Amino acid sequence: MKRAKDVDEYIANASQEVRGKLQEIRAVIKKAAPNAEERISYGMPYYGYKGRLVYFRLAKNHIGLYVPPPVIEEHKKELKEYGTSMATVRFPLNEKLPVMLIKKLVEARMIKNDEARTLG
């Protein structure tokens, strides 16, 4: 995909077949974190809430959701059917997005960011 100036353009640059999924993941993030800042960072949609909250990126066969550690590790059982790494979950394009799970991951990262601000 070509470089986008904002999330609307990022989604518009995607093929017609995957735009709906990108719009859906964006909507889930915005609903879970209505006060999060939305912009493009590292060439992908970024959401900030008291620090880094979540990113997403379209790949050839999946949408990657990037959540700063330790959220992925803490939800490993629920994520067992998806490819994961320390800060990434890969949702296959040929499957329905697990909306409630994505919401849960975003909310978990928000709590971590809130706690970090309280301690800091």
Protein backbone atom coordinates (compact mmCIF):
# COMPACT_ATOMS: atom_id res chain seq x y z
CA MET A 1 0.00 0.00 0.00
CA LYS A 2 1.14 3.54 -0.64
CA ARG A 3 1.88 5.88 2.26
CA ALA A 4 -1.24 7.51 3.72
CA LYS A 5 -1.55 10.90 5.42
CA ASP A 6 -4.38 9.76 7.71
CA VAL A 7 -6.43 6.67 8.59
CA ASP A 8 -9.20 7.51 6.11
CA GLU A 9 -6.64 7.52 3.30
CA TYR A 10 -5.00 4.33 4.64
CA ILE A 11 -8.33 2.51 4.43
CA ALA A 12 -9.18 4.04 1.04
CA ASN A 13 -5.82 2.80 -0.33
CA ALA A 14 -6.72 -0.81 0.53
CA SER A 15 -8.48 -3.08 -1.94
CA GLN A 16 -12.27 -3.03 -1.93
CA GLU A 17 -12.38 -6.58 -0.51
CA VAL A 18 -10.62 -5.65 2.75
CA ARG A 19 -11.81 -2.07 3.37
CA GLY A 20 -14.78 -3.31 5.39
CA LYS A 21 -12.52 -5.23 7.78
CA LEU A 22 -10.23 -2.21 8.21
CA GLN A 23 -13.24 0.01 8.90
CA GLU A 24 -14.53 -2.57 11.38
CA ILE A 25 -11.27 -2.81 13.33
CA ARG A 26 -11.04 0.99 13.38
CA ALA A 27 -14.61 1.26 14.71
CA VAL A 28 -13.91 -1.29 17.46
CA ILE A 29 -10.80 0.61 18.58
CA LYS A 30 -12.58 3.97 18.51
CA LYS A 31 -15.54 2.59 20.46
CA ALA A 32 -13.30 0.96 23.08
CA ALA A 33 -11.07 4.05 23.33
CA PRO A 34 -13.16 7.08 22.31
CA ASN A 35 -10.58 9.54 23.67
CA ALA A 36 -7.62 7.97 21.87
CA GLU A 37 -5.65 10.08 19.40
CA GLU A 38 -5.80 8.66 15.86
CA ARG A 39 -3.02 9.20 13.34
CA ILE A 40 -0.57 7.42 11.05
CA SER A 41 2.67 6.26 12.67
CA TYR A 42 5.25 3.95 11.09
CA GLY A 43 3.02 3.92 8.00
CA MET A 44 0.02 2.40 9.79
CA PRO A 45 -2.99 3.53 11.83
CA TYR A 46 -1.96 4.39 15.38
CA TYR A 47 -4.04 5.08 18.48
CA GLY A 48 -2.57 6.79 21.48
CA TYR A 49 -4.07 7.01 24.94
CA LYS A 50 -1.73 8.10 27.71
CA GLY A 51 1.01 6.53 25.60
CA ARG A 52 0.97 3.87 22.88
CA LEU A 53 -2.33 2.03 22.79
CA VAL A 54 -2.62 0.03 19.57
CA TYR A 55 -1.69 -0.02 15.87
CA PHE A 56 -3.09 -2.06 13.00
CA ARG A 57 -1.74 -2.92 9.56
CA LEU A 58 -2.96 -4.73 6.50
CA ALA A 59 -0.70 -7.52 5.29
CA LYS A 60 -1.15 -9.89 2.36
CA ASN A 61 -3.20 -12.52 4.22
CA HIS A 62 -4.02 -10.92 7.56
CA ILE A 63 -4.57 -7.76 9.57
CA GLY A 64 -1.93 -7.32 12.23
CA LEU A 65 -2.98 -5.78 15.53
CA TYR A 66 -0.02 -4.44 17.48
CA VAL A 67 -0.54 -4.03 21.22
CA PRO A 68 2.41 -3.11 23.47
CA PRO A 69 3.41 -5.89 25.90
CA PRO A 70 2.37 -7.62 28.11
CA VAL A 71 -1.23 -7.64 26.84
CA ILE A 72 -0.79 -10.39 24.21
CA GLU A 73 0.94 -12.67 26.73
CA GLU A 74 -1.78 -12.05 29.31
CA HIS A 75 -4.48 -13.10 26.83
CA LYS A 76 -2.56 -16.00 25.23
CA LYS A 77 -5.30 -18.58 25.93
CA GLU A 78 -7.95 -16.50 24.18
CA LEU A 79 -5.57 -15.84 21.25
CA LYS A 80 -4.47 -19.47 20.74
CA GLU A 81 -6.18 -19.79 17.36
CA TYR A 82 -4.35 -16.75 15.97
CA GLY A 83 -0.72 -16.21 15.11
CA THR A 84 0.88 -14.12 17.83
CA SER A 85 4.22 -12.72 18.94
CA MET A 86 5.16 -10.52 21.88
CA ALA A 87 3.16 -7.51 20.64
CA THR A 88 1.26 -8.81 17.60
CA VAL A 89 -1.89 -10.75 16.77
CA ARG A 90 -2.57 -11.74 13.17
CA PHE A 91 -6.23 -12.00 12.15
CA PRO A 92 -6.63 -13.91 8.85
CA LEU A 93 -8.44 -11.97 6.14
CA ASN A 94 -10.60 -14.97 5.29
CA GLU A 95 -12.12 -15.10 8.80
CA LYS A 96 -14.55 -12.87 10.66
CA LEU A 97 -12.81 -10.39 12.98
CA PRO A 98 -13.18 -11.30 16.68
CA VAL A 99 -14.66 -7.92 17.60
CA MET A 100 -15.16 -8.61 21.31
CA LEU A 101 -11.63 -9.96 21.65
CA ILE A 102 -10.14 -6.91 19.91
CA LYS A 103 -12.17 -4.65 22.23
CA LYS A 104 -10.91 -6.60 25.24
CA LEU A 105 -7.25 -6.22 24.14
CA VAL A 106 -7.65 -2.47 23.58
CA GLU A 107 -9.33 -2.04 26.96
CA ALA A 108 -6.60 -4.08 28.67
CA ARG A 109 -3.92 -1.80 27.17
CA MET A 110 -5.88 1.29 28.26
CA ILE A 111 -5.90 0.02 31.84
CA LYS A 112 -2.13 -0.55 31.68
CA ASN A 113 -1.62 2.99 30.35
CA ASP A 114 -3.85 4.42 33.08
CA GLU A 115 -1.92 2.50 35.75
CA ALA A 116 1.42 3.64 34.36
CA ARG A 117 0.30 7.27 34.53
CA THR A 118 -0.92 6.83 38.10
CA LEU A 119 2.40 5.30 39.18
CA GLY A 120 4.54 7.70 37.16
